């Protein structure tokens, strides 16, 4: 499909924005543990030179050293109890 096409409401365009360096580094973190591969992945995603990505990656790594990590622990059990709604029955003498 082309980036511009015509509809009955007028021309439509698709805007293609590459991710920012921070977004690309964040995405690369979830793909690999190797810092060199993270830098290459982020550079290819954002289209930025590797040196620029490397500088930002070292800057973020220094800031992340004080950040705590979340460790997966025991899952909590969830118990759902269902109570039937109370239905009020009329006395048998009132039905007549």
N, C-alpha and C. Protein backbone atom coordinates (compact mmCIF):
# COMPACT_ATOMS: atom_id res chain seq x y z
N UNK A 1 0.84 -1.17 0.00
CA UNK A 1 0.00 0.00 0.00
C UNK A 1 0.89 1.24 0.00
N UNK A 2 0.52 2.22 -0.75
CA UNK A 2 1.30 3.45 -0.82
C UNK A 2 1.14 4.24 0.47
N UNK A 3 2.04 5.20 0.68
CA UNK A 3 1.95 6.01 1.89
C UNK A 3 0.84 7.04 1.81
N UNK A 4 0.33 7.32 0.60
CA UNK A 4 -0.79 8.25 0.43
C UNK A 4 -1.82 7.58 -0.47
N UNK A 5 -3.08 7.63 -0.07
CA UNK A 5 -4.15 7.10 -0.89
C UNK A 5 -5.37 7.97 -0.72
N UNK A 6 -6.27 7.87 -1.67
CA UNK A 6 -7.46 8.71 -1.67
C UNK A 6 -8.65 7.91 -1.16
N UNK A 7 -9.44 8.56 -0.32
CA UNK A 7 -10.70 7.99 0.15
C UNK A 7 -11.81 8.97 -0.18
N UNK A 8 -13.04 8.60 0.10
CA UNK A 8 -14.14 9.52 -0.19
C UNK A 8 -14.12 10.74 0.74
N UNK A 9 -13.35 10.67 1.83
CA UNK A 9 -13.23 11.80 2.75
C UNK A 9 -11.99 12.64 2.47
N UNK A 10 -11.20 12.25 1.48
CA UNK A 10 -10.01 13.01 1.14
C UNK A 10 -8.77 12.13 1.20
N UNK A 11 -7.62 12.69 0.88
CA UNK A 11 -6.39 11.89 0.89
C UNK A 11 -5.97 11.51 2.31
N UNK A 12 -5.44 10.32 2.43
CA UNK A 12 -4.95 9.82 3.72
C UNK A 12 -3.47 9.51 3.58
N UNK A 13 -2.73 9.80 4.63
CA UNK A 13 -1.29 9.55 4.65
C UNK A 13 -0.91 8.76 5.88
N UNK A 14 0.12 7.93 5.76
CA UNK A 14 0.66 7.20 6.89
C UNK A 14 1.96 7.87 7.27
N UNK A 15 2.05 8.27 8.52
CA UNK A 15 3.27 8.91 9.00
C UNK A 15 4.14 7.84 9.63
N UNK A 16 5.38 7.78 9.19
CA UNK A 16 6.30 6.77 9.70
C UNK A 16 7.41 7.48 10.47
N UNK A 17 7.37 7.35 11.78
CA UNK A 17 8.38 7.95 12.64
C UNK A 17 9.25 6.85 13.22
N UNK A 18 10.57 6.94 13.06
CA UNK A 18 11.43 5.95 13.71
C UNK A 18 11.39 6.16 15.22
N UNK A 19 11.64 5.13 16.00
CA UNK A 19 11.61 5.29 17.46
C UNK A 19 12.77 6.17 17.93
N UNK A 20 12.58 6.79 19.07
CA UNK A 20 13.67 7.57 19.66
C UNK A 20 14.74 6.61 20.16
N UNK A 21 15.90 7.15 20.49
CA UNK A 21 16.98 6.29 20.97
C UNK A 21 16.60 5.60 22.28
N UNK A 22 15.90 6.32 23.16
CA UNK A 22 15.49 5.72 24.43
C UNK A 22 14.52 4.56 24.20
N UNK A 23 13.57 4.76 23.28
CA UNK A 23 12.62 3.70 22.97
C UNK A 23 13.31 2.49 22.35
N UNK A 24 14.28 2.76 21.46
CA UNK A 24 15.00 1.67 20.80
C UNK A 24 15.85 0.89 21.81
N UNK A 25 16.49 1.59 22.74
CA UNK A 25 17.29 0.90 23.76
C UNK A 25 16.40 0.08 24.69
N UNK A 26 15.25 0.61 25.03
CA UNK A 26 14.32 -0.12 25.88
C UNK A 26 13.83 -1.39 25.19
N UNK A 27 13.55 -1.30 23.89
CA UNK A 27 13.12 -2.48 23.14
C UNK A 27 14.25 -3.49 23.03
N UNK A 28 15.47 -3.02 22.86
CA UNK A 28 16.62 -3.92 22.72
C UNK A 28 16.91 -4.64 24.04
N UNK A 29 16.60 -4.01 25.17
CA UNK A 29 16.83 -4.65 26.48
C UNK A 29 16.02 -5.93 26.61
N UNK A 30 14.82 -5.93 26.06
CA UNK A 30 13.98 -7.11 26.19
C UNK A 30 14.36 -8.21 25.21
N UNK A 31 15.18 -7.87 24.21
CA UNK A 31 15.56 -8.87 23.21
C UNK A 31 16.82 -9.64 23.56
N UNK A 32 17.78 -8.98 24.21
CA UNK A 32 19.05 -9.65 24.49
C UNK A 32 19.68 -9.11 25.77
N UNK A 33 20.58 -9.89 26.35
CA UNK A 33 21.30 -9.47 27.55
C UNK A 33 22.66 -8.89 27.22
N UNK A 34 23.16 -9.11 26.02
CA UNK A 34 24.49 -8.65 25.62
C UNK A 34 24.44 -7.15 25.29
N UNK A 35 25.23 -6.31 25.98
CA UNK A 35 25.19 -4.87 25.72
C UNK A 35 25.59 -4.49 24.30
N UNK A 36 26.54 -5.20 23.70
CA UNK A 36 26.95 -4.87 22.33
C UNK A 36 25.82 -5.14 21.34
N UNK A 37 25.11 -6.23 21.54
CA UNK A 37 23.98 -6.53 20.66
C UNK A 37 22.84 -5.55 20.88
N UNK A 38 22.65 -5.11 22.12
CA UNK A 38 21.62 -4.10 22.39
C UNK A 38 21.89 -2.83 21.61
N UNK A 39 23.15 -2.42 21.59
CA UNK A 39 23.51 -1.18 20.89
C UNK A 39 23.27 -1.34 19.39
N UNK A 40 23.64 -2.48 18.82
CA UNK A 40 23.42 -2.71 17.40
C UNK A 40 21.93 -2.73 17.06
N UNK A 41 21.15 -3.38 17.90
CA UNK A 41 19.70 -3.46 17.65
C UNK A 41 19.08 -2.07 17.74
N UNK A 42 19.46 -1.30 18.76
CA UNK A 42 18.90 0.04 18.92
C UNK A 42 19.31 0.95 17.77
N UNK A 43 20.54 0.81 17.29
CA UNK A 43 20.99 1.63 16.17
C UNK A 43 20.22 1.29 14.90
N UNK A 44 19.97 0.01 14.69
CA UNK A 44 19.23 -0.37 13.48
C UNK A 44 17.76 0.03 13.57
N UNK A 45 17.18 0.00 14.77
CA UNK A 45 15.78 0.41 14.92
C UNK A 45 15.59 1.90 14.72
N UNK A 46 16.50 2.69 15.29
CA UNK A 46 16.33 4.14 15.24
C UNK A 46 16.99 4.78 14.03
N UNK A 47 17.91 4.07 13.37
CA UNK A 47 18.60 4.65 12.22
C UNK A 47 19.70 5.61 12.62
N UNK A 48 20.11 5.59 13.87
CA UNK A 48 21.16 6.48 14.36
C UNK A 48 22.51 5.77 14.27
N UNK A 49 23.61 6.55 14.24
CA UNK A 49 24.93 5.92 14.23
C UNK A 49 25.21 5.18 15.54
N UNK A 50 26.03 4.14 15.45
CA UNK A 50 26.31 3.28 16.60
C UNK A 50 27.00 4.06 17.72
N UNK A 51 27.87 5.02 17.37
CA UNK A 51 28.58 5.80 18.39
C UNK A 51 27.61 6.60 19.24
N UNK A 52 26.60 7.17 18.60
CA UNK A 52 25.61 7.96 19.34
C UNK A 52 24.79 7.07 20.28
N UNK A 53 24.43 5.90 19.79
CA UNK A 53 23.65 4.97 20.61
C UNK A 53 24.50 4.45 21.76
N UNK A 54 25.79 4.20 21.48
CA UNK A 54 26.69 3.70 22.51
C UNK A 54 26.85 4.72 23.64
N UNK A 55 26.95 6.00 23.29
CA UNK A 55 27.08 7.05 24.31
C UNK A 55 25.83 7.10 25.19
N UNK A 56 24.67 7.02 24.57
CA UNK A 56 23.43 7.06 25.35
C UNK A 56 23.26 5.80 26.18
N UNK A 57 23.69 4.65 25.65
CA UNK A 57 23.56 3.40 26.39
C UNK A 57 24.43 3.40 27.64
N UNK A 58 25.65 3.93 27.55
CA UNK A 58 26.50 4.00 28.74
C UNK A 58 25.94 4.99 29.75
N UNK A 59 25.36 6.06 29.25
CA UNK A 59 24.75 7.06 30.14
C UNK A 59 23.57 6.44 30.89
N UNK A 60 22.73 5.69 30.18
CA UNK A 60 21.58 5.05 30.82
C UNK A 60 22.02 3.92 31.75
N UNK A 61 23.10 3.22 31.41
CA UNK A 61 23.58 2.14 32.27
C UNK A 61 24.07 2.69 33.60
N UNK A 62 24.72 3.86 33.57
CA UNK A 62 25.17 4.48 34.82
C UNK A 62 23.99 4.90 35.69
N UNK A 63 22.94 5.39 35.06
CA UNK A 63 21.76 5.82 35.82
C UNK A 63 20.98 4.62 36.34
N UNK A 64 21.03 3.49 35.64
CA UNK A 64 20.23 2.32 36.01
C UNK A 64 20.88 1.51 37.13
N UNK A 65 22.10 1.81 37.48
CA UNK A 65 22.76 1.03 38.53
C UNK A 65 22.06 1.17 39.87
N UNK A 66 21.47 2.31 40.14
CA UNK A 66 20.77 2.51 41.40
C UNK A 66 19.34 2.04 41.36
N UNK A 67 18.87 1.65 40.18
CA UNK A 67 17.48 1.24 40.02
C UNK A 67 17.29 -0.18 40.55
N UNK A 68 16.25 -0.38 41.31
CA UNK A 68 15.98 -1.71 41.84
C UNK A 68 15.29 -2.55 40.77
N UNK A 69 15.53 -3.83 40.82
CA UNK A 69 14.90 -4.73 39.87
C UNK A 69 13.80 -5.51 40.56
N UNK A 70 12.80 -5.85 39.82
CA UNK A 70 11.67 -6.60 40.36
C UNK A 70 11.96 -8.08 40.16
N UNK A 71 11.90 -8.82 41.24
CA UNK A 71 12.13 -10.25 41.18
C UNK A 71 10.78 -10.94 41.30
N UNK A 72 10.55 -11.86 40.40
CA UNK A 72 9.28 -12.58 40.43
C UNK A 72 9.24 -13.50 41.64
N UNK A 73 8.24 -13.33 42.43
CA UNK A 73 8.11 -14.15 43.63
C UNK A 73 6.97 -15.13 43.49
N UNK A 74 6.49 -15.57 44.61
CA UNK A 74 5.39 -16.52 44.62
C UNK A 74 4.11 -15.80 44.20
N UNK A 75 3.35 -16.45 43.36
CA UNK A 75 2.08 -15.87 42.94
C UNK A 75 1.08 -15.99 44.08
N UNK A 76 0.29 -14.99 44.23
CA UNK A 76 -0.74 -15.00 45.26
C UNK A 76 -1.96 -15.75 44.75
N UNK A 77 -2.54 -16.51 45.63
CA UNK A 77 -3.74 -17.25 45.25
C UNK A 77 -4.94 -16.32 45.36
N UNK A 78 -5.80 -16.41 44.40
CA UNK A 78 -7.01 -15.62 44.40
C UNK A 78 -8.18 -16.58 44.52
N UNK A 79 -9.01 -16.37 45.55
CA UNK A 79 -10.16 -17.22 45.77
C UNK A 79 -11.41 -16.38 45.53
N UNK A 80 -12.25 -16.85 44.66
CA UNK A 80 -13.49 -16.14 44.35
C UNK A 80 -14.63 -16.96 44.92
N UNK A 81 -15.39 -16.34 45.80
CA UNK A 81 -16.54 -17.02 46.39
C UNK A 81 -17.80 -16.40 45.80
N UNK A 82 -18.72 -17.25 45.45
CA UNK A 82 -19.96 -16.79 44.87
C UNK A 82 -21.08 -17.03 45.86
N UNK A 83 -21.80 -15.97 46.15
CA UNK A 83 -22.98 -16.12 47.00
C UNK A 83 -24.21 -15.90 46.13
N UNK A 84 -25.12 -16.82 46.24
CA UNK A 84 -26.34 -16.70 45.47
C UNK A 84 -27.16 -15.54 46.02
N UNK A 85 -27.77 -14.79 45.16
CA UNK A 85 -28.60 -13.69 45.65
C UNK A 85 -29.82 -14.22 46.39
N UNK A 86 -30.21 -13.51 47.40
CA UNK A 86 -31.38 -13.93 48.18
C UNK A 86 -32.65 -13.65 47.39
N UNK A 87 -33.47 -14.62 47.36
CA UNK A 87 -34.77 -14.42 46.72
C UNK A 87 -35.83 -14.47 47.81
N UNK A 88 -36.69 -13.53 47.77
CA UNK A 88 -37.74 -13.46 48.79
C UNK A 88 -38.99 -14.11 48.22
N UNK A 89 -39.42 -15.14 48.91
CA UNK A 89 -40.64 -15.83 48.50
C UNK A 89 -41.80 -15.33 49.35
N UNK A 90 -42.85 -15.13 48.70
CA UNK A 90 -44.04 -14.71 49.42
C UNK A 90 -44.62 -15.91 50.15
N UNK A 91 -45.19 -15.69 51.32
CA UNK A 91 -45.81 -16.80 52.04
C UNK A 91 -46.93 -17.41 51.19
N UNK A 92 -47.17 -18.67 51.40
CA UNK A 92 -48.17 -19.38 50.59
C UNK A 92 -49.57 -18.80 50.77
N UNK A 93 -49.88 -18.23 51.92
CA UNK A 93 -51.22 -17.67 52.13
C UNK A 93 -51.40 -16.36 51.36
N UNK A 94 -50.36 -15.67 51.06
CA UNK A 94 -50.48 -14.40 50.36
C UNK A 94 -50.66 -14.60 48.86
N UNK A 95 -50.35 -15.77 48.36
CA UNK A 95 -50.45 -16.01 46.93
C UNK A 95 -51.90 -16.16 46.48
N UNK A 96 -52.79 -16.50 47.35
CA UNK A 96 -54.17 -16.78 46.96
C UNK A 96 -54.94 -15.57 46.69
